[in-house]
Amino acid sequence: MIDWITGFFSEYLHLELTGKAIELWLLAAVISVVVFFVARLVISVVWRRLDKLAERTTTQIDDAVVCLLKQTKWWALAAIALAAGSQVVELSDRVRGLVHTAVVVILLLQLGVWANALLKFTLEHYRQRKIKQDPGSVTALNAIGLLASSMLWLGVLLLALDNLGFNITALIAGLGVGGVAVALAVQNILGDQFASLSILIDKPFVVGDFVIVDTYMGSVEHVGLKTTRVRALSGEQLVFSNSDLLKSRLQNYGRMYERRVVMQIGVTYDTSRENLKRIPGILKAAIEAQTHTRFDRSHFAKYGDFSLNFETVYYVLGPDYNLYMDIQQAINLYLHEQFEQAGVEFAYPTQTLILHRGQPVESSA
């Protein structure tokens, strides 16, 4: 055994095991052990104190630091300790180069672990803030995390291979060609996934919004990686492809803060001029008598085929459709009462008889 150890040192490390060499190797071992345990002790103490401090603060910076300290791996500390210990012994250029490469690769892996932990911490913090406001964004957020984590570890792998002496230019070119081929094969799926990310970031609608897409309407129930599901008014579930949904003209009533209403009424041609002048005021009073409304205008707009037409515009101060219908019903009843008292008649299509060459012919007037 001793002969094998002696042969290893002399053949691979080009070091004769003299008394001084043995002392240097013992010193290197001591330095490595001390550095390793001191580093672990310092990280443990700092971690515990910051963890207690983070419980008393609202900032997320100390929480992020604690998360990174927890993800510090023992093998990374061991690599740093061995690198520190190797400085006191004489090694050949080839061996020292191997040690340097191994330490760099291990530190790259540790940096990857830290970056991945920070990414997950950030996404989780964002998820906790948004889950109550927009539950549908959680699924798309998971997709962002998976994509970002994959890209991160791919970058770490390429850097590690580069430090190990591999020519990564050809590898990157191969990955590019393969990526194009895969993208062409699954372009519809990728299109829907990127559309999902666009919905998450741009937020044209969120879960709970009432939307109209072409002739379909309903409340958004779920925004997934590939599809968005809408609950129709009649009860069935409508499933839209995310990419098709973003290409459509979409009306989002969930973003409506108030509703503009254009109201048309017609009265008969035998209505007196005095009553015609009074009607805009009656319409205004009917609207202002309701709560949650704002009057805009009311005018005698035009002479119709069988009526004198008035156009009135008002706003309902809320997006709820039932509220709008309750207000409109109250306005209609108010107008009916006022017109009845004033002797004003609502217009409606009438039938007249026109004599043509002695024969009666029905015609609308």
Protein backbone atom coordinates (compact mmCIF):
# COMPACT_ATOMS: atom_id res chain seq x y z
CA MET A 1 0.00 0.00 0.00
CA ILE A 2 2.78 2.41 0.94
CA ASP A 3 4.61 1.53 -2.27
CA TRP A 4 1.46 2.27 -4.29
CA ILE A 5 1.00 5.67 -2.62
CA THR A 6 4.67 6.47 -3.22
CA GLY A 7 4.34 5.47 -6.85
CA PHE A 8 1.22 7.59 -7.30
CA PHE A 9 2.88 10.71 -5.93
CA SER A 10 6.03 10.24 -7.96
CA GLU A 11 4.36 9.23 -11.24
CA TYR A 12 1.28 11.50 -11.40
CA LEU A 13 2.18 14.40 -9.13
CA HIS A 14 5.93 14.36 -9.90
CA LEU A 15 6.65 14.70 -6.21
CA GLU A 16 9.10 12.69 -4.21
CA LEU A 17 7.82 11.88 -0.71
CA THR A 18 10.62 13.39 1.28
CA GLY A 19 10.18 14.54 4.83
CA LYS A 20 9.52 18.13 3.78
CA ALA A 21 6.99 17.02 1.14
CA ILE A 22 5.09 14.99 3.73
CA GLU A 23 4.97 18.03 6.00
CA LEU A 24 3.57 20.15 3.15
CA TRP A 25 0.90 17.60 2.35
CA LEU A 26 -0.09 17.38 5.99
CA LEU A 27 -0.26 21.16 6.11
CA ALA A 28 -2.42 21.19 2.96
CA ALA A 29 -4.77 18.64 4.52
CA VAL A 30 -5.04 20.70 7.70
CA ILE A 31 -5.73 23.88 5.71
CA SER A 32 -8.39 22.13 3.64
CA VAL A 33 -10.15 20.72 6.71
CA VAL A 34 -10.01 24.04 8.58
CA VAL A 35 -11.29 26.04 5.58
CA PHE A 36 -14.12 23.57 5.02
CA PHE A 37 -15.39 23.53 8.60
CA VAL A 38 -14.89 27.27 9.15
CA ALA A 39 -16.83 28.03 5.97
CA ARG A 40 -19.65 25.72 7.02
CA LEU A 41 -19.71 27.25 10.51
CA VAL A 42 -19.79 30.82 9.19
CA ILE A 43 -22.57 30.04 6.71
CA SER A 44 -24.59 28.23 9.40
CA VAL A 45 -24.28 31.12 11.89
CA VAL A 46 -25.08 33.81 9.31
CA TRP A 47 -27.99 31.76 7.99
CA ARG A 48 -29.59 31.29 11.40
CA ARG A 49 -29.21 34.93 12.41
CA LEU A 50 -30.56 36.22 9.12
CA ASP A 51 -33.45 33.76 9.36
CA LYS A 52 -34.48 35.21 12.72
CA LEU A 53 -34.05 38.75 11.37
CA ALA A 54 -36.16 37.95 8.31
CA GLU A 55 -39.08 36.95 10.53
CA ARG A 56 -39.20 40.48 11.97
CA THR A 57 -38.89 42.40 8.69
CA THR A 58 -41.17 42.85 5.67
CA THR A 59 -38.44 43.20 3.06
CA GLN A 60 -37.70 40.23 0.82
CA ILE A 61 -33.96 40.83 0.46
CA ASP A 62 -32.99 39.06 3.70
CA ASP A 63 -35.33 36.19 2.81
CA ALA A 64 -33.57 35.84 -0.54
CA VAL A 65 -30.14 35.80 1.15
CA VAL A 66 -31.32 33.11 3.59
CA CYS A 67 -32.61 31.07 0.64
CA LEU A 68 -29.23 31.31 -1.10
CA LEU A 69 -27.31 30.34 2.05
CA LYS A 70 -29.53 27.28 2.49
CA GLN A 71 -28.66 26.21 -1.05
CA THR A 72 -24.89 26.37 -0.47
CA LYS A 73 -23.73 22.78 -1.08
CA TRP A 74 -21.06 20.99 0.95
CA TRP A 75 -19.26 19.79 -2.18
CA ALA A 76 -18.78 23.40 -3.29
CA LEU A 77 -17.20 24.23 0.08
CA ALA A 78 -15.07 21.09 -0.19
CA ALA A 79 -13.82 22.18 -3.62
CA ILE A 80 -12.89 25.61 -2.28
CA ALA A 81 -11.14 24.02 0.73
CA LEU A 82 -9.13 21.61 -1.47
CA ALA A 83 -8.16 24.47 -3.78
CA ALA A 84 -6.95 26.48 -0.77
CA GLY A 85 -4.96 23.53 0.58
CA SER A 86 -3.36 22.81 -2.80
CA GLN A 87 -1.67 26.20 -2.79
CA VAL A 88 0.97 25.10 -0.27
CA VAL A 89 2.17 22.04 -2.19
CA GLU A 90 4.12 21.81 -5.41
CA LEU A 91 2.09 20.31 -8.23
CA SER A 92 2.86 19.85 -11.90
CA ASP A 93 1.25 22.22 -14.36
CA ARG A 94 -1.01 19.45 -15.67
CA VAL A 95 -2.28 18.49 -12.21
CA ARG A 96 -2.72 22.11 -11.15
CA GLY A 97 -4.67 22.73 -14.36
CA LEU A 98 -6.92 19.74 -13.59
CA VAL A 99 -7.52 21.04 -10.06
CA HIS A 100 -8.33 24.50 -11.40
CA THR A 101 -10.77 23.09 -13.98
CA ALA A 102 -12.48 20.87 -11.41
CA VAL A 103 -12.91 23.79 -8.99
CA VAL A 104 -14.30 26.05 -11.74
CA VAL A 105 -16.82 23.42 -12.87
CA ILE A 106 -17.96 22.78 -9.28
CA LEU A 107 -18.34 26.52 -8.65
CA LEU A 108 -20.34 26.85 -11.87
CA LEU A 109 -22.68 24.14 -10.60
CA GLN A 110 -23.00 25.99 -7.29
CA LEU A 111 -23.76 29.24 -9.11
CA GLY A 112 -26.41 27.34 -11.07
CA VAL A 113 -27.94 26.07 -7.84
CA TRP A 114 -27.98 29.61 -6.41
CA ALA A 115 -29.47 31.13 -9.57
CA ASN A 116 -32.14 28.43 -9.76
CA ALA A 117 -33.03 28.93 -6.08
CA LEU A 118 -33.26 32.70 -6.57
CA LEU A 119 -35.46 32.19 -9.63
CA LYS A 120 -37.82 29.90 -7.72
CA PHE A 121 -37.89 32.30 -4.75
CA THR A 122 -38.79 35.24 -7.01
CA LEU A 123 -41.52 33.33 -8.85
CA GLU A 124 -42.98 31.98 -5.60
CA HIS A 125 -43.05 35.46 -4.07
CA TYR A 126 -44.76 36.83 -7.19
CA ARG A 127 -47.19 33.88 -7.19
CA GLN A 128 -48.23 34.52 -3.57
CA ARG A 129 -48.97 38.16 -4.40
CA LYS A 130 -50.96 37.39 -7.56
CA ILE A 131 -52.79 34.18 -6.71
CA LYS A 132 -55.76 35.98 -5.13
CA GLN A 133 -55.95 38.67 -7.82
CA ASP A 134 -55.37 36.39 -10.82
CA PRO A 135 -55.50 32.65 -10.06
CA GLY A 136 -55.27 31.80 -13.75
CA SER A 137 -51.80 33.30 -14.02
CA VAL A 138 -50.32 30.62 -11.72
CA THR A 139 -50.29 27.99 -14.47
CA ALA A 140 -48.57 30.30 -16.92
CA LEU A 141 -46.16 31.33 -14.18
CA ASN A 142 -45.16 27.68 -13.74
CA ALA A 143 -44.41 27.53 -17.46
CA ILE A 144 -42.19 30.61 -17.19
CA GLY A 145 -40.31 29.05 -14.27
CA LEU A 146 -39.78 25.76 -16.12
CA LEU A 147 -38.56 27.53 -19.26
CA ALA A 148 -36.24 29.86 -17.35
CA SER A 149 -34.82 27.00 -15.25
CA SER A 150 -34.16 24.93 -18.38
CA MET A 151 -32.36 27.81 -20.07
CA LEU A 152 -30.33 28.45 -16.91
CA TRP A 153 -29.06 24.87 -16.59
CA LEU A 154 -28.38 24.69 -20.32
CA GLY A 155 -26.13 27.75 -19.95
CA VAL A 156 -24.35 26.21 -16.93
CA LEU A 157 -23.80 22.97 -18.88
CA LEU A 158 -22.30 24.82 -21.86
CA LEU A 159 -19.96 26.84 -19.60
CA ALA A 160 -18.87 23.67 -17.81
CA LEU A 161 -18.15 21.88 -21.10
CA ASP A 162 -16.22 24.90 -22.32
CA ASN A 163 -14.02 24.83 -19.20
CA LEU A 164 -13.47 21.09 -19.65
CA GLY A 165 -11.96 21.78 -23.06
CA PHE A 166 -14.85 20.81 -25.33
CA ASN A 167 -15.57 22.83 -28.46
CA ILE A 168 -19.07 24.07 -27.73
CA THR A 169 -19.39 26.04 -30.99
CA ALA A 170 -20.37 22.93 -32.92
CA LEU A 171 -22.63 21.85 -30.05
CA ILE A 172 -24.42 25.20 -30.03
CA ALA A 173 -24.83 25.01 -33.81
CA GLY A 174 -26.26 21.50 -33.48
CA LEU A 175 -28.62 22.62 -30.76
CA GLY A 176 -29.73 25.48 -32.97
CA VAL A 177 -30.53 23.22 -35.91
CA GLY A 178 -32.24 20.70 -33.63
CA GLY A 179 -34.18 23.48 -31.94
CA VAL A 180 -35.46 24.76 -35.30
CA ALA A 181 -36.57 21.24 -36.26
CA VAL A 182 -38.36 20.73 -32.95
CA ALA A 183 -39.94 24.18 -33.14
CA LEU A 184 -41.32 23.45 -36.62
CA ALA A 185 -42.72 20.12 -35.42
CA VAL A 186 -44.53 21.59 -32.43
CA GLN A 187 -45.13 25.13 -33.65
CA ASN A 188 -48.86 25.04 -32.82
CA ILE A 189 -48.19 23.94 -29.23
CA LEU A 190 -45.40 26.50 -28.83
CA GLY A 191 -47.64 29.17 -30.33
CA ASP A 192 -50.32 28.48 -27.73
CA GLN A 193 -47.75 28.47 -24.93
CA PHE A 194 -46.26 31.79 -26.00
CA ALA A 195 -49.80 33.14 -26.32
CA SER A 196 -50.35 32.00 -22.73
CA LEU A 197 -47.28 33.96 -21.65
CA SER A 198 -48.58 36.96 -23.59
CA ILE A 199 -51.91 36.72 -21.76
CA LEU A 200 -50.04 36.54 -18.45
CA ILE A 201 -47.84 39.55 -19.17
CA ASP A 202 -50.20 41.79 -21.17
CA LYS A 203 -53.37 40.76 -19.25
CA PRO A 204 -56.06 41.44 -21.89
CA PHE A 205 -58.33 39.53 -19.50
CA VAL A 206 -58.07 37.67 -16.19
CA VAL A 207 -60.05 34.92 -14.50
CA GLY A 208 -63.54 36.21 -13.65
CA ASP A 209 -63.82 38.72 -16.52
CA PHE A 210 -66.92 38.55 -18.73
CA VAL A 211 -65.79 38.44 -22.36
CA ILE A 212 -67.34 38.22 -25.82
CA VAL A 213 -65.36 36.49 -28.57
CA ASP A 214 -67.09 36.75 -31.95
CA THR A 215 -70.56 35.32 -31.18
CA TYR A 216 -69.52 33.54 -27.97
CA MET A 217 -69.74 35.05 -24.51
CA GLY A 218 -69.13 34.02 -20.92
CA SER A 219 -66.92 34.36 -17.83
CA VAL A 220 -63.26 33.33 -17.95
CA GLU A 221 -62.71 30.31 -15.70
CA HIS A 222 -59.16 29.18 -16.42
CA VAL A 223 -56.13 30.30 -18.43
CA GLY A 224 -53.92 27.30 -19.21
CA LEU A 225 -50.74 26.66 -21.18
CA LYS A 226 -52.64 25.78 -24.36
CA THR A 227 -56.28 26.74 -23.88
CA THR A 228 -58.51 29.24 -22.10
CA ARG A 229 -61.85 28.04 -20.73
CA VAL A 230 -64.93 30.25 -20.61
CA ARG A 231 -68.22 29.44 -18.88
CA ALA A 232 -71.06 30.44 -21.21
CA LEU A 233 -74.26 32.09 -19.99
CA SER A 234 -76.21 28.96 -20.93
CA GLY A 235 -73.98 26.85 -18.69
CA GLU A 236 -71.67 24.97 -21.05
CA GLN A 237 -67.89 25.43 -21.06
CA LEU A 238 -66.28 27.03 -24.10
CA VAL A 239 -62.65 26.10 -24.82
CA PHE A 240 -60.53 28.50 -26.90
CA SER A 241 -56.99 27.98 -28.17
CA ASN A 242 -54.80 30.72 -26.69
CA SER A 243 -53.30 31.70 -30.04
CA ASP A 244 -56.73 31.83 -31.73
CA LEU A 245 -58.10 33.81 -28.81
CA LEU A 246 -55.48 36.54 -29.13
CA LYS A 247 -56.11 36.77 -32.88
CA SER A 248 -59.83 37.38 -32.31
CA ARG A 249 -61.57 40.66 -31.55
CA LEU A 250 -62.39 40.32 -27.88
CA GLN A 251 -64.73 42.48 -25.82
CA ASN A 252 -63.83 42.48 -22.13
CA TYR A 253 -66.72 43.67 -19.98
CA GLY A 254 -64.69 42.97 -16.86
CA ARG A 255 -62.77 46.20 -17.53
CA MET A 256 -65.97 48.23 -17.85
CA TYR A 257 -66.20 50.84 -15.10
CA GLU A 258 -69.41 52.46 -16.34
CA ARG A 259 -71.92 51.72 -19.10
CA ARG A 260 -72.93 54.26 -21.76
CA VAL A 261 -76.57 53.89 -22.78
CA VAL A 262 -78.15 55.39 -25.91
CA MET A 263 -81.91 55.45 -25.50
CA GLN A 264 -84.29 55.98 -28.44
CA ILE A 265 -88.00 56.73 -28.06
CA GLY A 266 -90.62 57.93 -30.55
CA VAL A 267 -93.89 59.81 -30.07
CA THR A 268 -96.77 60.24 -32.48
CA TYR A 269 -96.89 63.07 -35.05
CA ASP A 270 -99.97 64.60 -33.44
CA THR A 271 -97.97 65.49 -30.31
CA SER A 272 -98.21 69.23 -29.59
CA ARG A 273 -95.20 71.50 -29.86
CA GLU A 274 -95.41 72.33 -26.14
CA ASN A 275 -95.16 68.66 -25.23
CA LEU A 276 -92.29 68.15 -27.68
CA LYS A 277 -90.37 70.88 -25.84
CA ARG A 278 -91.15 69.24 -22.48
CA ILE A 279 -90.06 65.70 -23.42
CA PRO A 280 -86.23 66.25 -23.12
CA GLY A 281 -86.78 67.61 -19.61
CA ILE A 282 -88.98 64.63 -18.71
CA LEU A 283 -86.28 62.25 -19.96
CA LYS A 284 -83.63 64.10 -17.95
CA ALA A 285 -85.76 63.98 -14.80
CA ALA A 286 -86.41 60.25 -15.32
CA ILE A 287 -82.68 59.53 -15.45
CA GLU A 288 -81.67 61.82 -12.59
CA ALA A 289 -84.35 60.25 -10.39
CA GLN A 290 -82.32 57.01 -10.43
CA THR A 291 -79.23 56.35 -8.36
CA HIS A 292 -75.98 55.24 -10.02
CA THR A 293 -76.68 57.27 -13.17
CA ARG A 294 -75.19 60.32 -14.86
CA PHE A 295 -77.22 62.26 -17.42
CA ASP A 296 -75.44 63.33 -20.59
CA ARG A 297 -77.94 64.74 -23.13
CA SER A 298 -81.45 64.45 -24.57
CA HIS A 299 -82.61 65.87 -27.95
CA PHE A 300 -85.43 65.80 -30.46
CA ALA A 301 -83.26 63.96 -32.97
CA LYS A 302 -85.23 63.48 -36.19
CA TYR A 303 -88.50 62.94 -38.00
CA GLY A 304 -89.00 59.22 -38.46
CA ASP A 305 -91.27 57.33 -40.85
CA PHE A 306 -94.05 57.08 -38.31
CA SER A 307 -92.73 58.90 -35.22
CA LEU A 308 -90.96 61.95 -33.84
CA ASN A 309 -87.73 60.48 -32.46
CA PHE A 310 -85.82 61.55 -29.36
CA GLU A 311 -82.30 60.39 -28.54
CA THR A 312 -81.05 60.36 -24.95
CA VAL A 313 -77.62 59.41 -23.63
CA TYR A 314 -76.84 58.58 -20.02
CA TYR A 315 -74.29 56.54 -18.05
CA VAL A 316 -74.82 53.75 -15.56
CA LEU A 317 -72.12 54.10 -12.90
CA GLY A 318 -71.21 50.43 -12.70
CA PRO A 319 -70.53 47.47 -15.01
CA ASP A 320 -73.22 45.14 -13.65
CA TYR A 321 -75.77 44.24 -16.33
CA ASN A 322 -78.56 43.58 -13.83
CA LEU A 323 -78.04 47.07 -12.38
CA TYR A 324 -78.37 48.56 -15.88
CA MET A 325 -81.60 46.63 -16.55
CA ASP A 326 -83.11 47.68 -13.20
CA ILE A 327 -82.35 51.33 -13.97
CA GLN A 328 -83.69 51.09 -17.53
CA GLN A 329 -86.91 49.50 -16.26
CA ALA A 330 -87.37 52.27 -13.70
CA ILE A 331 -86.80 54.93 -16.40
CA ASN A 332 -89.33 53.29 -18.72
CA LEU A 333 -91.98 53.15 -16.01
CA TYR A 334 -91.32 56.79 -15.08
CA LEU A 335 -91.69 57.87 -18.72
CA HIS A 336 -94.89 55.88 -19.13
CA GLU A 337 -96.39 57.62 -16.11
CA GLN A 338 -95.31 61.13 -17.17
CA PHE A 339 -96.41 60.68 -20.78
CA GLU A 340 -99.78 59.38 -19.61
CA GLN A 341 -100.28 62.46 -17.43
CA ALA A 342 -99.20 64.81 -20.25
CA GLY A 343 -101.31 63.07 -22.89
CA VAL A 344 -98.29 62.10 -24.99
CA GLU A 345 -98.59 58.85 -26.95
CA PHE A 346 -95.72 56.54 -27.85
CA ALA A 347 -95.46 55.93 -31.58
CA TYR A 348 -95.88 52.53 -33.17
CA PRO A 349 -96.19 51.29 -36.79
CA THR A 350 -99.70 51.85 -38.21
CA GLN A 351 -101.63 50.43 -41.14
CA THR A 352 -103.48 52.72 -43.60
CA LEU A 353 -105.62 52.06 -46.68
CA ILE A 354 -104.68 53.65 -49.98
CA LEU A 355 -107.09 53.47 -52.92
CA HIS A 356 -105.35 52.53 -56.16
CA ARG A 357 -107.61 52.45 -59.24
CA GLY A 358 -110.56 51.81 -57.04
CA GLN A 359 -108.98 48.84 -55.20
CA PRO A 360 -107.97 49.05 -51.47
CA VAL A 361 -104.28 48.29 -50.87
CA GLU A 362 -102.65 47.89 -47.42
CA SER A 363 -99.58 50.00 -46.78
CA SER A 364 -97.43 50.90 -43.80
CA ALA A 365 -97.26 54.52 -42.78
